[in-house]
Amino acid sequence: MTVIVLTNCPPGLRGFLTRWLLEISAGVFIGSPSARIRHILWDEVKQYTGQGRALLAHTTNNEQGFTFQTHDHAWHPIDHEGVTLIRRPSSRSAAPGSTSATTPAQGWSSASKRRRFGRS
């Protein structure tokens, strides 16, 4: 099984992929082409994405049962002890000047207030 996800790509590229894969949603293509055809399709996608980005996921014989590749994407696959994981950019590097939504402000809990004022 092969899945290709396109974002902000030319319509001609989407038309090209429909020759080999089924478009189940806008920019999401699935199918079962051979490895040779999959490689050719991915080369075409990388060449003609323009300002867009692309993801390729396909089945393979490894621990996870699949592998994936990215093209012009902020998220990058990394190998961690034989398992492929996706590395996302931190929120600070993704949006300069923004504060992280996961970091709570100091003193936001009742326990913090009790500690600050010496109450138990």
N, C-alpha and C. Protein backbone atom coordinates (compact mmCIF):
# COMPACT_ATOMS: atom_id res chain seq x y z
N MET A 1 0.84 -1.17 0.00
CA MET A 1 0.00 0.00 0.00
C MET A 1 0.89 1.23 0.00
N THR A 2 0.53 2.20 -0.79
CA THR A 2 1.26 3.46 -0.89
C THR A 2 0.30 4.61 -0.67
N VAL A 3 0.72 5.59 0.12
CA VAL A 3 -0.08 6.78 0.36
C VAL A 3 0.79 7.99 0.07
N ILE A 4 0.28 8.92 -0.73
CA ILE A 4 0.96 10.18 -1.01
C ILE A 4 0.00 11.30 -0.63
N VAL A 5 0.50 12.25 0.16
CA VAL A 5 -0.30 13.39 0.59
C VAL A 5 0.35 14.65 0.05
N LEU A 6 -0.40 15.43 -0.73
CA LEU A 6 0.09 16.67 -1.31
C LEU A 6 -0.60 17.85 -0.66
N THR A 7 0.16 18.91 -0.42
CA THR A 7 -0.39 20.15 0.11
C THR A 7 0.08 21.30 -0.76
N ASN A 8 -0.86 22.09 -1.26
CA ASN A 8 -0.55 23.28 -2.06
C ASN A 8 0.29 22.94 -3.28
N CYS A 9 -0.11 21.92 -4.03
CA CYS A 9 0.62 21.48 -5.22
C CYS A 9 -0.20 21.80 -6.47
N PRO A 10 0.45 21.88 -7.63
CA PRO A 10 -0.25 22.18 -8.88
C PRO A 10 -1.27 21.09 -9.25
N PRO A 11 -2.38 21.49 -9.87
CA PRO A 11 -3.39 20.51 -10.28
C PRO A 11 -2.86 19.47 -11.27
N GLY A 12 -1.88 19.85 -12.08
CA GLY A 12 -1.31 18.90 -13.04
C GLY A 12 -0.64 17.73 -12.36
N LEU A 13 -0.02 17.97 -11.23
CA LEU A 13 0.62 16.89 -10.47
C LEU A 13 -0.44 15.95 -9.91
N ARG A 14 -1.52 16.52 -9.42
CA ARG A 14 -2.62 15.68 -8.92
C ARG A 14 -3.19 14.84 -10.05
N GLY A 15 -3.33 15.42 -11.23
CA GLY A 15 -3.82 14.66 -12.38
C GLY A 15 -2.88 13.55 -12.78
N PHE A 16 -1.58 13.83 -12.70
CA PHE A 16 -0.59 12.80 -13.03
C PHE A 16 -0.70 11.62 -12.07
N LEU A 17 -0.86 11.89 -10.79
CA LEU A 17 -0.93 10.81 -9.81
C LEU A 17 -2.20 9.97 -9.94
N THR A 18 -3.28 10.55 -10.47
CA THR A 18 -4.52 9.77 -10.62
C THR A 18 -4.39 8.69 -11.69
N ARG A 19 -3.34 8.72 -12.47
CA ARG A 19 -3.12 7.64 -13.44
C ARG A 19 -2.77 6.34 -12.72
N TRP A 20 -2.11 6.46 -11.56
CA TRP A 20 -1.62 5.29 -10.85
C TRP A 20 -2.28 5.04 -9.51
N LEU A 21 -2.79 6.12 -8.89
CA LEU A 21 -3.33 6.03 -7.54
C LEU A 21 -4.75 6.59 -7.51
N LEU A 22 -5.49 6.26 -6.48
CA LEU A 22 -6.85 6.74 -6.30
C LEU A 22 -6.84 7.91 -5.33
N GLU A 23 -7.45 9.03 -5.73
CA GLU A 23 -7.52 10.21 -4.86
C GLU A 23 -8.76 10.08 -3.98
N ILE A 24 -8.56 9.75 -2.71
CA ILE A 24 -9.69 9.51 -1.82
C ILE A 24 -10.16 10.78 -1.13
N SER A 25 -9.34 11.79 -1.09
CA SER A 25 -9.68 13.10 -0.55
C SER A 25 -8.77 14.09 -1.26
N ALA A 26 -9.06 15.37 -1.14
CA ALA A 26 -8.25 16.36 -1.84
C ALA A 26 -6.78 16.26 -1.44
N GLY A 27 -5.94 15.86 -2.37
CA GLY A 27 -4.51 15.75 -2.12
C GLY A 27 -4.04 14.48 -1.45
N VAL A 28 -4.94 13.51 -1.22
CA VAL A 28 -4.57 12.24 -0.57
C VAL A 28 -4.77 11.12 -1.59
N PHE A 29 -3.68 10.45 -1.94
CA PHE A 29 -3.69 9.40 -2.96
C PHE A 29 -3.26 8.09 -2.33
N ILE A 30 -3.97 7.00 -2.66
CA ILE A 30 -3.59 5.67 -2.18
C ILE A 30 -3.60 4.69 -3.34
N GLY A 31 -2.84 3.62 -3.20
CA GLY A 31 -2.81 2.58 -4.21
C GLY A 31 -1.74 1.56 -3.86
N SER A 32 -1.56 0.60 -4.77
CA SER A 32 -0.57 -0.45 -4.57
C SER A 32 0.31 -0.62 -5.81
N PRO A 33 1.03 0.43 -6.19
CA PRO A 33 1.93 0.27 -7.34
C PRO A 33 3.18 -0.52 -6.93
N SER A 34 3.90 -0.99 -7.91
CA SER A 34 5.15 -1.70 -7.63
C SER A 34 6.17 -0.71 -7.08
N ALA A 35 7.25 -1.25 -6.51
CA ALA A 35 8.30 -0.40 -5.95
C ALA A 35 8.92 0.49 -7.02
N ARG A 36 9.08 -0.03 -8.21
CA ARG A 36 9.66 0.76 -9.30
C ARG A 36 8.75 1.93 -9.66
N ILE A 37 7.46 1.68 -9.78
CA ILE A 37 6.50 2.74 -10.11
C ILE A 37 6.42 3.75 -8.96
N ARG A 38 6.43 3.27 -7.72
CA ARG A 38 6.39 4.16 -6.56
C ARG A 38 7.58 5.11 -6.57
N HIS A 39 8.77 4.58 -6.90
CA HIS A 39 9.97 5.41 -6.96
C HIS A 39 9.85 6.46 -8.06
N ILE A 40 9.33 6.09 -9.20
CA ILE A 40 9.15 7.04 -10.31
C ILE A 40 8.13 8.11 -9.92
N LEU A 41 7.02 7.70 -9.30
CA LEU A 41 6.01 8.66 -8.87
C LEU A 41 6.59 9.65 -7.87
N TRP A 42 7.36 9.17 -6.90
CA TRP A 42 7.93 10.05 -5.89
C TRP A 42 8.92 11.03 -6.50
N ASP A 43 9.72 10.58 -7.48
CA ASP A 43 10.63 11.49 -8.18
C ASP A 43 9.86 12.59 -8.90
N GLU A 44 8.74 12.24 -9.53
CA GLU A 44 7.91 13.23 -10.22
C GLU A 44 7.29 14.21 -9.21
N VAL A 45 6.83 13.68 -8.09
CA VAL A 45 6.24 14.54 -7.06
C VAL A 45 7.28 15.54 -6.57
N LYS A 46 8.49 15.08 -6.27
CA LYS A 46 9.53 15.98 -5.78
C LYS A 46 9.89 17.04 -6.82
N GLN A 47 9.84 16.68 -8.09
CA GLN A 47 10.21 17.61 -9.15
C GLN A 47 9.14 18.67 -9.38
N TYR A 48 7.86 18.31 -9.26
CA TYR A 48 6.78 19.21 -9.66
C TYR A 48 5.92 19.75 -8.52
N THR A 49 6.36 19.66 -7.27
CA THR A 49 5.54 20.19 -6.18
C THR A 49 5.48 21.71 -6.17
N GLY A 50 6.43 22.37 -6.77
CA GLY A 50 6.42 23.83 -6.78
C GLY A 50 6.58 24.37 -5.37
N GLN A 51 5.64 25.20 -4.92
CA GLN A 51 5.69 25.78 -3.58
C GLN A 51 5.07 24.86 -2.53
N GLY A 52 4.55 23.71 -2.96
CA GLY A 52 3.86 22.81 -2.05
C GLY A 52 4.80 21.88 -1.31
N ARG A 53 4.19 20.93 -0.63
CA ARG A 53 4.95 19.93 0.11
C ARG A 53 4.28 18.58 -0.08
N ALA A 54 5.03 17.52 0.22
CA ALA A 54 4.51 16.17 -0.03
C ALA A 54 5.02 15.19 1.01
N LEU A 55 4.19 14.18 1.27
CA LEU A 55 4.54 13.07 2.15
C LEU A 55 4.28 11.77 1.41
N LEU A 56 5.16 10.80 1.59
CA LEU A 56 5.00 9.47 1.00
C LEU A 56 5.11 8.46 2.13
N ALA A 57 4.13 7.58 2.24
CA ALA A 57 4.18 6.47 3.19
C ALA A 57 3.87 5.19 2.43
N HIS A 58 4.63 4.15 2.70
CA HIS A 58 4.38 2.87 2.03
C HIS A 58 4.78 1.72 2.93
N THR A 59 4.17 0.58 2.68
CA THR A 59 4.47 -0.61 3.47
C THR A 59 5.86 -1.13 3.13
N THR A 60 6.49 -1.71 4.12
CA THR A 60 7.81 -2.30 3.93
C THR A 60 8.01 -3.37 5.01
N ASN A 61 9.07 -4.14 4.88
CA ASN A 61 9.35 -5.22 5.81
C ASN A 61 10.28 -4.71 6.92
N ASN A 62 9.72 -4.01 7.90
CA ASN A 62 10.50 -3.56 9.06
C ASN A 62 9.63 -3.69 10.31
N GLU A 63 10.13 -3.23 11.44
CA GLU A 63 9.40 -3.36 12.70
C GLU A 63 8.05 -2.65 12.67
N GLN A 64 7.99 -1.49 12.05
CA GLN A 64 6.75 -0.72 12.00
C GLN A 64 5.79 -1.21 10.92
N GLY A 65 6.33 -1.84 9.90
CA GLY A 65 5.49 -2.31 8.81
C GLY A 65 5.31 -1.27 7.71
N PHE A 66 5.87 -0.08 7.89
CA PHE A 66 5.79 0.97 6.88
C PHE A 66 6.98 1.90 7.05
N THR A 67 7.19 2.73 6.06
CA THR A 67 8.19 3.79 6.12
C THR A 67 7.61 5.01 5.43
N PHE A 68 8.22 6.16 5.65
CA PHE A 68 7.70 7.37 5.03
C PHE A 68 8.84 8.33 4.71
N GLN A 69 8.56 9.24 3.78
CA GLN A 69 9.51 10.25 3.35
C GLN A 69 8.77 11.57 3.25
N THR A 70 9.49 12.67 3.38
CA THR A 70 8.88 13.99 3.25
C THR A 70 9.64 14.79 2.21
N HIS A 71 8.96 15.78 1.64
CA HIS A 71 9.59 16.69 0.69
C HIS A 71 9.09 18.10 0.97
N ASP A 72 10.03 19.02 1.22
CA ASP A 72 9.73 20.42 1.54
C ASP A 72 8.74 20.53 2.68
N HIS A 73 8.94 19.75 3.71
CA HIS A 73 8.02 19.71 4.84
C HIS A 73 8.79 20.10 6.10
N ALA A 74 8.13 20.78 7.04
CA ALA A 74 8.79 21.18 8.29
C ALA A 74 9.03 19.99 9.20
N TRP A 75 8.24 18.95 9.06
CA TRP A 75 8.42 17.74 9.88
C TRP A 75 9.33 16.78 9.13
N HIS A 76 10.33 16.24 9.81
CA HIS A 76 11.31 15.37 9.16
C HIS A 76 11.39 14.02 9.87
N PRO A 77 11.46 12.92 9.10
CA PRO A 77 11.63 11.60 9.72
C PRO A 77 13.06 11.45 10.25
N ILE A 78 13.16 10.83 11.41
CA ILE A 78 14.46 10.52 11.99
C ILE A 78 14.44 9.06 12.45
N ASP A 79 15.60 8.44 12.46
CA ASP A 79 15.72 7.06 12.91
C ASP A 79 16.11 7.07 14.37
N HIS A 80 15.33 6.40 15.19
CA HIS A 80 15.62 6.30 16.62
C HIS A 80 15.66 4.83 17.00
N GLU A 81 16.86 4.28 17.07
CA GLU A 81 17.08 2.88 17.42
C GLU A 81 16.28 1.92 16.53
N GLY A 82 16.27 2.20 15.24
CA GLY A 82 15.61 1.33 14.29
C GLY A 82 14.15 1.64 14.04
N VAL A 83 13.59 2.59 14.76
CA VAL A 83 12.19 2.98 14.58
C VAL A 83 12.19 4.39 13.98
N THR A 84 11.43 4.59 12.93
CA THR A 84 11.35 5.90 12.31
C THR A 84 10.31 6.74 13.03
N LEU A 85 10.74 7.89 13.49
CA LEU A 85 9.86 8.84 14.17
C LEU A 85 9.83 10.13 13.38
N ILE A 86 8.87 10.99 13.69
CA ILE A 86 8.77 12.27 12.99
C ILE A 86 9.21 13.36 13.96
N ARG A 87 10.09 14.22 13.51
CA ARG A 87 10.55 15.35 14.32
C ARG A 87 9.84 16.60 13.84
N ARG A 88 9.07 17.17 14.76
CA ARG A 88 8.37 18.42 14.46
C ARG A 88 9.19 19.57 15.00
N PRO A 89 9.14 20.73 14.33
CA PRO A 89 9.87 21.87 14.87
C PRO A 89 9.20 22.35 16.15
N SER A 90 9.99 22.87 17.07
CA SER A 90 9.41 23.38 18.31
C SER A 90 8.55 24.60 18.00
N SER A 91 7.62 24.90 18.88
CA SER A 91 6.71 26.02 18.62
C SER A 91 7.47 27.34 18.60
N ARG A 92 8.57 27.43 19.32
CA ARG A 92 9.35 28.68 19.31
C ARG A 92 10.03 28.90 17.97
N SER A 93 10.54 27.81 17.37
CA SER A 93 11.20 27.97 16.07
C SER A 93 10.18 28.07 14.94
N ALA A 94 8.97 27.53 15.13
CA ALA A 94 7.95 27.59 14.08
C ALA A 94 7.36 28.98 13.98
N ALA A 95 7.18 29.66 15.12
CA ALA A 95 6.60 31.00 15.12
C ALA A 95 7.48 31.91 15.97
N PRO A 96 8.35 32.67 15.33
CA PRO A 96 9.26 33.52 16.10
C PRO A 96 8.48 34.52 16.96
N GLY A 97 8.90 34.66 18.21
CA GLY A 97 8.26 35.61 19.10
C GLY A 97 7.05 35.07 19.81
N SER A 98 6.61 33.85 19.50
CA SER A 98 5.44 33.30 20.17
C SER A 98 5.86 32.55 21.42
N THR A 99 4.96 32.48 22.39
CA THR A 99 5.25 31.73 23.61
C THR A 99 4.65 30.35 23.48
N SER A 100 5.26 29.42 24.15
CA SER A 100 4.79 28.04 24.08
C SER A 100 3.49 27.88 24.85
N ALA A 101 2.51 27.25 24.24
CA ALA A 101 1.22 27.05 24.88
C ALA A 101 1.29 25.94 25.93
N THR A 102 2.31 25.10 25.89
CA THR A 102 2.40 23.99 26.83
C THR A 102 3.15 24.36 28.10
N THR A 103 3.82 25.51 28.13
CA THR A 103 4.56 25.93 29.31
C THR A 103 3.67 26.82 30.16
N PRO A 104 3.25 26.35 31.35
CA PRO A 104 2.37 27.17 32.18
C PRO A 104 3.12 28.35 32.79
N ALA A 105 2.42 29.41 33.04
CA ALA A 105 3.02 30.57 33.68
C ALA A 105 3.35 30.23 35.13
N GLN A 106 4.37 30.88 35.68
CA GLN A 106 4.75 30.64 37.06
C GLN A 106 3.63 31.08 37.98
N GLY A 107 3.36 30.28 39.02
CA GLY A 107 2.37 30.65 40.01
C GLY A 107 0.94 30.45 39.57
N TRP A 108 0.69 29.59 38.65
CA TRP A 108 -0.67 29.45 38.11
C TRP A 108 -1.55 28.52 38.94
N SER A 109 -0.97 27.70 39.82
CA SER A 109 -1.78 26.76 40.58
C SER A 109 -1.95 27.20 42.03
N SER A 110 -2.94 26.63 42.71
CA SER A 110 -3.15 26.91 44.13
C SER A 110 -1.98 26.43 44.96
N ALA A 111 -1.40 25.29 44.60
CA ALA A 111 -0.24 24.77 45.32
C ALA A 111 0.93 25.74 45.23
N SER A 112 1.12 26.32 44.07
CA SER A 112 2.20 27.29 43.90
C SER A 112 1.97 28.51 44.77
N LYS A 113 0.73 28.97 44.86
CA LYS A 113 0.42 30.13 45.70
C LYS A 113 0.66 29.81 47.18
N ARG A 114 0.29 28.60 47.62
CA ARG A 114 0.52 28.20 49.02
C ARG A 114 2.02 28.16 49.31
N ARG A 115 2.81 27.61 48.37
CA ARG A 115 4.25 27.56 48.58
C ARG A 115 4.86 28.96 48.67
N ARG A 116 4.37 29.86 47.84
CA ARG A 116 4.90 31.20 47.79
C ARG A 116 4.66 31.94 49.12
N PHE A 117 3.49 31.75 49.68
CA PHE A 117 3.15 32.47 50.91
C PHE A 117 3.41 31.66 52.19
N GLY A 118 4.03 30.50 52.07
CA GLY A 118 4.43 29.71 53.21
C GLY A 118 3.31 28.97 53.91
N ARG A 119 2.18 28.82 53.27
CA ARG A 119 1.08 28.06 53.85
C ARG A 119 1.20 26.60 53.44
N SER A 120 0.61 25.70 54.23
CA SER A 120 0.65 24.30 53.86
C SER A 120 -0.63 23.84 53.25
